[in-house]
């Protein structure tokens, strides 16, 4: 006799289980099934149609009352505020701490959490002390060596932070002086000027509403000052800024400007591009439109010393600008950019690779690199009265006597050498 199929056995077992369970529940017999009412199928169809229409309701609403028919608004004047940390802390002080200034001593106050605040009229702090609470100095304050502030330090006058101090954050209403080897974990802010000693760690952000002097060996991520002066010499901020800022003079090599094109295998050399010119295209030189922008596709492109370029330059690979060249427009490279001694760039620099700026170069605009930036001695970036930026992703090294008017930012590590 043929064996029963497993599926038929499953059906049989299920039927027997229903009889065994259902019979006691219904008193030995199943209730009769009542016939469907005539409106039940109509209801099922209506629910089915409604559920399938839900995805289209959003589209119908957009047709009746369009909201996405205009371009998304972008504020082209928006920029990151380099003074954000100081201004936010000042607002916090004005709102919560100002009532405590009239009663020096230790206070407990509810900020985002319960905090202890010491309000002091002291003008000096002896060495080796450690403060585990917020410290408010009502007068000018000078700290000795090896003092630690585990919380914020707020000084209503001039703040002079001693050698080897460790601070979470510091705010000064007057000048801020950071001694040698100071470690700033988060941010520092001054409503006037800032002077930083050698070997300091400047944390995430150091900002000044005035000028800033930074000695060699300092590490940083974000700086703001008008201007920021990198110098190993003494002197006050005013004299240093005046010495570094002047009219942009021409380099001696610029007097011997030529007008011919010279090309050698593997490299592109050019030393004059007249505005709106249209030289014959060849050897990787491609002219577009009226000549306001030129593209180079060799492994590297070199601009001979003493050249002057009126139009924008865009290089496919590495770009080398010769000594004493004057660039009247922007310079962009998909590789690296190397500006040799005495170059003047009257607009901005953009590079996907490294940017190396040799001594006494002047860049009037912004400097942006997806890699690293090296700034040589005597370099000036920006001009008085305008705020410019030096932004690089992987790291920044700035040599002595360099001056930057505005903002410095790197995701890597910045170093003053």
Protein backbone atom coordinates (compact mmCIF):
# COMPACT_ATOMS: atom_id res chain seq x y z
CA UNK A 1 0.00 0.00 0.00
CA UNK A 2 1.32 3.47 -0.96
CA UNK A 3 2.47 5.71 1.85
CA UNK A 4 0.51 8.92 2.59
CA UNK A 5 2.15 12.19 1.58
CA UNK A 6 3.63 14.15 4.58
CA UNK A 7 1.50 17.19 3.75
CA UNK A 8 -1.74 15.20 3.92
CA UNK A 9 -0.65 13.81 7.28
CA UNK A 10 -0.10 17.36 8.54
CA UNK A 11 -3.63 18.36 7.44
CA UNK A 12 -5.07 15.31 9.19
CA UNK A 13 -3.28 16.09 12.45
CA UNK A 14 -4.42 19.72 12.33
CA UNK A 15 -8.05 18.68 11.81
CA UNK A 16 -7.91 16.25 14.72
CA UNK A 17 -6.35 18.97 16.95
CA UNK A 18 -9.17 21.39 16.11
CA UNK A 19 -11.77 18.76 16.99
CA UNK A 20 -10.09 17.89 20.27
CA UNK A 21 -9.68 21.52 21.36
CA UNK A 22 -12.79 23.06 19.82
CA UNK A 23 -15.36 20.47 20.87
CA UNK A 24 -15.01 21.08 24.66
CA UNK A 25 -14.98 24.85 24.15
CA UNK A 26 -18.28 24.94 22.28
CA UNK A 27 -20.13 22.38 24.38
CA UNK A 28 -19.62 19.46 22.02
CA UNK A 29 -20.60 21.23 18.77
CA UNK A 30 -19.35 24.11 16.60
CA UNK A 31 -21.54 27.23 16.20
CA UNK A 32 -23.18 27.83 12.89
CA UNK A 33 -21.48 30.39 10.67
CA UNK A 34 -23.80 33.33 9.99
CA UNK A 35 -24.03 34.55 6.35
CA UNK A 36 -22.10 37.71 5.46
CA UNK A 37 -24.03 40.94 5.40
CA UNK A 38 -24.18 42.69 1.99
CA UNK A 39 -22.14 45.75 3.11
CA UNK A 40 -19.13 43.74 4.39
CA UNK A 41 -17.53 43.16 0.93
CA UNK A 42 -18.00 46.85 0.14
CA UNK A 43 -16.20 47.76 3.38
CA UNK A 44 -13.29 45.44 2.60
CA UNK A 45 -12.88 46.97 -0.88
CA UNK A 46 -13.07 50.51 0.56
CA UNK A 47 -10.34 49.78 3.17
CA UNK A 48 -8.16 48.22 0.47
CA UNK A 49 -8.49 51.31 -1.75
CA UNK A 50 -7.76 53.72 1.13
CA UNK A 51 -4.63 51.85 2.24
CA UNK A 52 -3.27 51.79 -1.32
CA UNK A 53 -3.93 55.53 -1.68
CA UNK A 54 -1.85 56.56 1.35
CA UNK A 55 1.50 56.75 -0.56
CA UNK A 56 -0.06 59.16 -3.05
CA UNK A 57 -1.47 61.57 -0.46
CA UNK A 58 1.92 63.33 0.00
CA UNK A 59 2.24 63.92 -3.73
CA UNK A 60 -1.33 65.22 -3.94
CA UNK A 61 -0.69 67.61 -1.04
CA UNK A 62 2.42 68.96 -2.77
CA UNK A 63 0.40 69.58 -5.96
CA UNK A 64 -2.31 71.44 -4.07
CA UNK A 65 0.02 73.44 -1.77
CA UNK A 66 3.57 73.34 -3.18
CA UNK A 67 6.41 73.85 -0.70
CA UNK A 68 9.44 72.48 -2.58
CA UNK A 69 8.94 74.35 -5.84
CA UNK A 70 11.57 77.00 -4.99
CA UNK A 71 15.35 76.51 -4.46
CA UNK A 72 16.63 75.98 -0.93
CA UNK A 73 17.79 79.29 0.56
CA UNK A 74 21.51 79.48 1.33
CA UNK A 75 22.95 82.42 3.22
CA UNK A 76 26.09 83.21 1.21
CA UNK A 77 27.27 85.64 3.89
CA UNK A 78 27.22 83.05 6.68
CA UNK A 79 30.59 82.25 8.22
CA UNK A 80 31.82 80.45 11.30
CA UNK A 81 32.31 82.82 14.23
CA UNK A 82 35.91 82.45 15.50
CA UNK A 83 34.94 84.34 18.67
CA UNK A 84 32.10 81.93 19.50
CA UNK A 85 33.53 80.37 22.67
CA UNK A 86 34.46 83.66 24.32
CA UNK A 87 31.20 85.39 23.47
CA UNK A 88 29.12 82.46 24.69
CA UNK A 89 31.04 82.33 27.97
CA UNK A 90 30.68 86.11 28.38
CA UNK A 91 26.91 85.77 27.99
CA UNK A 92 26.92 83.01 30.60
CA UNK A 93 28.88 85.23 32.98
CA UNK A 94 26.57 88.21 32.49
CA UNK A 95 23.51 86.05 33.08
CA UNK A 96 24.60 83.87 36.00
CA UNK A 97 27.85 85.03 37.58
CA UNK A 98 27.61 88.84 37.59
CA UNK A 99 25.45 88.94 40.81
CA UNK A 100 28.28 87.12 42.62
CA UNK A 101 30.90 89.80 41.93
CA UNK A 102 29.78 91.93 44.88
CA UNK A 103 30.46 89.15 47.42
CA UNK A 104 33.91 87.54 47.08
CA UNK A 105 34.19 83.98 48.34
CA UNK A 106 33.01 80.50 47.42
CA UNK A 107 29.56 80.13 45.87
CA UNK A 108 27.42 77.29 44.58
CA UNK A 109 25.48 78.04 41.42
CA UNK A 110 23.28 76.02 39.09
CA UNK A 111 24.53 76.29 35.49
CA UNK A 112 23.93 73.32 33.21
CA UNK A 113 24.76 71.43 36.44
CA UNK A 114 25.73 72.37 39.97
CA UNK A 115 29.06 74.23 39.94
CA UNK A 116 31.25 75.85 42.59
CA UNK A 117 32.56 79.33 41.81
CA UNK A 118 35.29 81.17 43.68
CA UNK A 119 35.16 84.95 43.36
CA UNK A 120 38.44 86.54 44.37
CA UNK A 121 40.05 89.97 44.57
CA UNK A 122 43.56 88.47 44.65
CA UNK A 123 46.07 89.78 42.11
CA UNK A 124 48.61 86.96 42.46
CA UNK A 125 48.39 83.20 42.89
CA UNK A 126 51.35 81.32 44.42
CA UNK A 127 52.94 78.33 42.65
CA UNK A 128 51.68 74.79 42.72
CA UNK A 129 48.04 75.47 43.62
CA UNK A 130 45.23 73.45 42.08
CA UNK A 131 41.70 74.83 41.61
CA UNK A 132 38.93 72.30 41.01
CA UNK A 133 36.20 74.93 40.55
CA UNK A 134 35.50 77.96 38.37
CA UNK A 135 37.75 80.85 39.36
CA UNK A 136 36.72 84.50 38.89
CA UNK A 137 39.34 87.21 39.31
CA UNK A 138 37.81 90.64 39.88
CA UNK A 139 41.11 92.44 39.22
CA UNK A 140 44.21 91.89 37.09
CA UNK A 141 45.62 88.47 37.87
CA UNK A 142 49.12 86.95 37.71
CA UNK A 143 49.75 83.28 38.41
CA UNK A 144 53.06 81.69 39.38
CA UNK A 145 54.47 78.51 37.84
CA UNK A 146 52.71 75.13 37.88
CA UNK A 147 49.22 76.34 38.79
CA UNK A 148 46.30 74.19 37.63
CA UNK A 149 42.77 75.36 36.84
CA UNK A 150 40.59 72.28 36.29
CA UNK A 151 37.64 74.52 35.38
CA UNK A 152 37.25 77.87 33.59
CA UNK A 153 39.24 80.95 34.59
CA UNK A 154 37.59 84.36 34.19
CA UNK A 155 39.62 87.55 34.74
CA UNK A 156 38.02 90.99 34.60
CA UNK A 157 41.38 92.66 33.86
CA UNK A 158 44.75 91.63 32.44
CA UNK A 159 45.64 87.96 32.89
CA UNK A 160 49.25 86.77 33.05
CA UNK A 161 49.42 82.99 33.17
CA UNK A 162 52.68 81.63 34.56
CA UNK A 163 55.04 79.06 33.10
CA UNK A 164 53.74 75.49 32.98
CA UNK A 165 50.19 76.35 34.07
CA UNK A 166 47.39 74.00 33.04
CA UNK A 167 43.98 75.52 32.27
CA UNK A 168 40.72 74.16 30.94
CA UNK A 169 39.66 77.54 29.46
CA UNK A 170 40.51 81.19 30.09
CA UNK A 171 38.72 84.48 29.43
CA UNK A 172 40.36 87.89 29.91
CA UNK A 173 38.68 91.28 29.64
CA UNK A 174 42.11 92.86 28.96
CA UNK A 175 45.35 91.47 27.53
CA UNK A 176 46.05 87.76 27.94
CA UNK A 177 49.65 86.57 28.38
CA UNK A 178 50.33 82.83 28.34
CA UNK A 179 53.77 81.81 29.66
CA UNK A 180 56.12 79.13 28.37
CA UNK A 181 54.76 75.63 28.31
CA UNK A 182 51.19 76.57 29.23
CA UNK A 183 48.66 73.83 28.44
CA UNK A 184 45.23 75.09 27.37
CA UNK A 185 42.83 72.17 27.07
CA UNK A 186 39.88 73.87 25.39
CA UNK A 187 39.88 77.57 24.48
CA UNK A 188 41.30 80.97 25.33
CA UNK A 189 39.85 84.41 24.64
CA UNK A 190 40.89 88.03 25.11
CA UNK A 191 38.94 91.18 24.39
CA UNK A 192 42.24 92.89 23.58
CA UNK A 193 45.57 91.26 22.69
CA UNK A 194 47.23 87.90 23.31
CA UNK A 195 50.92 87.03 23.76
CA UNK A 196 51.93 83.36 23.89
CA UNK A 197 55.26 82.04 25.17
CA UNK A 198 57.22 79.27 23.50
CA UNK A 199 56.22 75.63 23.73
CA UNK A 200 52.59 76.27 24.69
CA UNK A 201 49.72 73.96 23.79
CA UNK A 202 46.85 76.21 22.74
CA UNK A 203 44.02 73.68 22.73
CA UNK A 204 41.13 73.82 20.32
CA UNK A 205 40.76 77.55 19.90
CA UNK A 206 42.61 80.73 20.82
CA UNK A 207 40.95 83.99 19.78
CA UNK A 208 41.64 87.66 20.28
CA UNK A 209 39.65 90.74 19.35
CA UNK A 210 42.99 92.49 18.90
CA UNK A 211 46.42 91.28 17.81
CA UNK A 212 48.22 88.08 18.74
CA UNK A 213 51.90 87.13 19.07
CA UNK A 214 52.91 83.46 19.08
CA UNK A 215 56.43 82.28 19.93
CA UNK A 216 58.11 79.20 18.38
CA UNK A 217 57.23 75.68 19.46
CA UNK A 218 53.51 76.29 20.08
CA UNK A 219 50.86 73.79 19.02
CA UNK A 220 47.35 74.81 18.00
CA UNK A 221 44.27 73.92 15.97
CA UNK A 222 42.39 77.19 15.59
CA UNK A 223 43.57 80.81 15.92
CA UNK A 224 42.02 84.20 15.31
CA UNK A 225 43.63 87.61 15.54
CA UNK A 226 44.06 90.87 13.63
CA UNK A 227 46.82 90.15 12.98
CA UNK A 228 48.42 86.90 14.17
CA UNK A 229 52.19 87.46 14.34
CA UNK A 230 54.57 84.50 14.62
CA UNK A 231 57.80 85.83 16.10
CA UNK A 232 60.70 84.67 18.28
CA UNK A 233 61.78 88.24 19.07
CA UNK A 234 60.63 90.44 21.92
CA UNK A 235 58.66 93.62 21.57
CA UNK A 236 55.09 94.66 22.00
CA UNK A 237 52.25 93.73 19.69
CA UNK A 238 51.82 97.17 18.18
CA UNK A 239 55.43 97.55 17.01
CA UNK A 240 55.59 94.02 15.64
CA UNK A 241 52.36 94.35 13.68
CA UNK A 242 53.49 97.69 12.25
CA UNK A 243 56.81 96.22 11.17
CA UNK A 244 55.18 93.26 9.51
CA UNK A 245 52.44 95.21 7.74
CA UNK A 246 53.35 97.46 4.86
CA UNK A 247 52.72 98.17 1.24
CA UNK A 248 53.35 95.13 -0.92
CA UNK A 249 56.48 95.89 -2.88
CA UNK A 250 57.65 94.25 -6.10
CA UNK A 251 60.44 91.70 -6.29
CA UNK A 252 63.63 92.69 -8.18
CA UNK A 253 63.29 89.77 -10.60
CA UNK A 254 59.95 91.13 -11.81
CA UNK A 255 61.75 93.78 -13.85
CA UNK A 256 62.92 91.18 -16.40
CA UNK A 257 59.53 89.97 -17.61
CA UNK A 258 59.66 88.15 -20.96
CA UNK A 259 56.83 87.36 -23.35
CA UNK A 260 57.77 84.11 -25.11
CA UNK A 261 56.58 80.56 -24.42
CA UNK A 262 59.22 77.93 -23.66
CA UNK A 263 58.47 74.20 -23.46
CA UNK A 264 60.68 71.23 -22.60
CA UNK A 265 59.69 67.53 -22.53
CA UNK A 266 57.84 66.48 -19.39
CA UNK A 267 57.46 69.97 -17.95
CA UNK A 268 55.59 73.09 -18.92
CA UNK A 269 57.35 76.44 -18.56
CA UNK A 270 55.62 79.75 -19.22
CA UNK A 271 56.38 83.27 -18.12
CA UNK A 272 53.71 85.54 -19.55
CA UNK A 273 49.98 85.21 -20.13
CA UNK A 274 48.41 88.42 -21.50
CA UNK A 275 44.80 89.07 -20.49
CA UNK A 276 42.29 87.70 -23.02
CA UNK A 277 45.03 86.23 -25.21
CA UNK A 278 44.54 83.09 -27.26
CA UNK A 279 47.86 81.36 -28.01
CA UNK A 280 47.86 78.21 -30.09
CA UNK A 281 46.64 75.24 -28.10
CA UNK A 282 49.15 72.42 -27.72
CA UNK A 283 51.46 70.48 -25.41
CA UNK A 284 48.84 70.27 -22.69
CA UNK A 285 47.86 73.95 -22.81
CA UNK A 286 44.12 74.38 -23.15
CA UNK A 287 42.56 77.81 -23.50
CA UNK A 288 38.93 78.38 -22.58
CA UNK A 289 36.71 81.34 -23.42
CA UNK A 290 38.43 84.70 -23.30
CA UNK A 291 41.60 83.40 -21.62
CA UNK A 292 40.51 84.26 -18.08
CA UNK A 293 41.45 80.75 -16.93
CA UNK A 294 44.14 78.31 -18.12
CA UNK A 295 44.49 74.58 -17.42
CA UNK A 296 47.73 72.57 -17.45
CA UNK A 297 47.83 68.77 -17.66
CA UNK A 298 51.54 67.83 -17.35
CA UNK A 299 53.02 66.18 -14.28
CA UNK A 300 54.09 69.65 -13.18
CA UNK A 301 53.83 73.20 -14.44
CA UNK A 302 56.45 75.86 -13.75
CA UNK A 303 56.14 79.61 -13.97
CA UNK A 304 59.49 81.23 -14.64
CA UNK A 305 60.96 83.75 -12.21
CA UNK A 306 59.82 87.33 -12.60
CA UNK A 307 56.63 86.53 -14.50
CA UNK A 308 53.34 88.34 -14.17
CA UNK A 309 50.00 86.62 -14.74
CA UNK A 310 46.76 88.57 -15.11
CA UNK A 311 44.31 85.65 -15.27
CA UNK A 312 43.31 82.74 -13.04
CA UNK A 313 45.59 79.69 -13.10
CA UNK A 314 44.26 76.14 -12.76
CA UNK A 315 46.77 73.28 -12.82
CA UNK A 316 45.88 69.62 -13.23
CA UNK A 317 48.96 68.53 -11.28
CA UNK A 318 51.72 70.19 -9.25
CA UNK A 319 52.31 73.90 -9.80
CA UNK A 320 55.55 75.78 -9.13
CA UNK A 321 55.55 79.58 -9.14
CA UNK A 322 59.02 81.05 -9.71
CA UNK A 323 60.81 83.62 -7.60
CA UNK A 324 59.39 87.13 -7.73
CA UNK A 325 56.29 86.30 -9.79
CA UNK A 326 53.19 88.47 -9.48
CA UNK A 327 49.80 86.74 -9.78
CA UNK A 328 46.94 89.18 -10.31
CA UNK A 329 44.25 86.49 -9.80
CA UNK A 330 43.66 83.18 -8.04
CA UNK A 331 45.83 80.07 -8.24
CA UNK A 332 44.35 76.56 -8.03
CA UNK A 333 45.98 73.15 -8.32
CA UNK A 334 44.65 69.61 -8.21
CA UNK A 335 48.08 68.66 -6.90
CA UNK A 336 50.54 70.71 -4.84
CA UNK A 337 51.49 74.39 -5.03
CA UNK A 338 54.95 75.78 -4.31
CA UNK A 339 55.39 79.56 -4.15
CA UNK A 340 59.05 80.52 -4.22
CA UNK A 341 60.68 83.53 -2.61
CA UNK A 342 59.07 86.93 -3.12
CA UNK A 343 55.92 85.83 -4.97
CA UNK A 344 52.84 88.07 -4.71
CA UNK A 345 49.38 86.50 -5.12
CA UNK A 346 46.68 89.16 -5.15
CA UNK A 347 43.83 86.70 -4.66
CA UNK A 348 43.52 83.19 -3.16
CA UNK A 349 45.31 79.84 -3.23
CA UNK A 350 43.49 76.50 -3.51
CA UNK A 351 45.16 73.07 -3.63
CA UNK A 352 44.18 69.45 -3.24
CA UNK A 353 47.77 68.66 -2.22
CA UNK A 354 50.35 70.42 -0.08
CA UNK A 355 50.96 74.17 -0.25
CA UNK A 356 54.48 75.39 0.43
CA UNK A 357 55.03 79.14 0.74
CA UNK A 358 58.64 80.32 0.82
CA UNK A 359 60.01 83.40 2.57
CA UNK A 360 58.65 86.91 2.00
CA UNK A 361 55.70 85.72 -0.08
CA UNK A 362 52.52 87.81 0.06
CA UNK A 363 49.05 86.32 -0.42
CA UNK A 364 46.24 88.84 -0.29
CA UNK A 365 43.41 86.29 -0.20
CA UNK A 366 42.65 82.95 1.46
CA UNK A 367 44.82 79.83 1.57
CA UNK A 368 43.03 76.47 1.40
CA UNK A 369 44.52 72.98 1.20
CA UNK A 370 43.09 69.49 1.53
CA UNK A 371 46.50 68.41 2.79
CA UNK A 372 49.25 70.41 4.58
CA UNK A 373 50.43 74.01 4.47
CA UNK A 374 53.96 75.20 5.22
CA UNK A 375 54.44 78.96 5.66
CA UNK A 376 57.98 80.33 5.51
CA UNK A 377 59.56 83.28 7.33
CA UNK A 378 58.32 86.75 6.57
CA UNK A 379 55.18 85.56 4.77
CA UNK A 380 52.12 87.84 4.89
CA UNK A 381 48.63 86.43 4.33
CA UNK A 382 45.75 88.88 4.08
CA UNK A 383 45.84 92.65 4.40
CA UNK A 384 44.96 95.17 7.11
CA UNK A 385 41.24 95.81 7.37
CA UNK A 386 40.12 92.46 5.94
CA UNK A 387 39.72 89.01 7.47
CA UNK A 388 41.22 86.10 5.54
CA UNK A 389 41.60 82.41 6.34
CA UNK A 390 44.29 79.76 6.27
CA UNK A 391 42.53 76.39 6.30
CA UNK A 392 44.23 73.03 5.89
CA UNK A 393 43.07 69.54 6.67
CA UNK A 394 46.16 67.60 7.75
CA UNK A 395 48.50 70.10 9.38
CA UNK A 396 50.11 73.54 9.37
CA UNK A 397 53.65 74.77 10.07
CA UNK A 398 54.32 78.51 10.37
CA UNK A 399 57.83 79.97 10.49
CA UNK A 400 59.07 83.08 12.28
CA UNK A 401 58.02 86.61 11.30
CA UNK A 402 54.97 85.36 9.38
CA UNK A 403 51.76 87.40 9.70
CA UNK A 404 48.19 86.22 9.10
CA UNK A 405 45.25 88.63 9.16
CA UNK A 406 42.30 86.63 10.40
CA UNK A 407 41.54 82.98 10.90
CA UNK A 408 43.71 79.83 11.07
CA UNK A 409 42.17 76.35 11.20
CA UNK A 410 43.49 72.81 10.79
CA UNK A 411 41.98 69.41 11.56
CA UNK A 412 45.50 68.12 12.16
CA UNK A 413 48.10 69.88 14.29
CA UNK A 414 49.41 73.40 13.81
CA UNK A 415 52.95 74.27 14.86
CA UNK A 416 54.91 77.52 15.10
CA UNK A 417 58.55 76.85 14.24
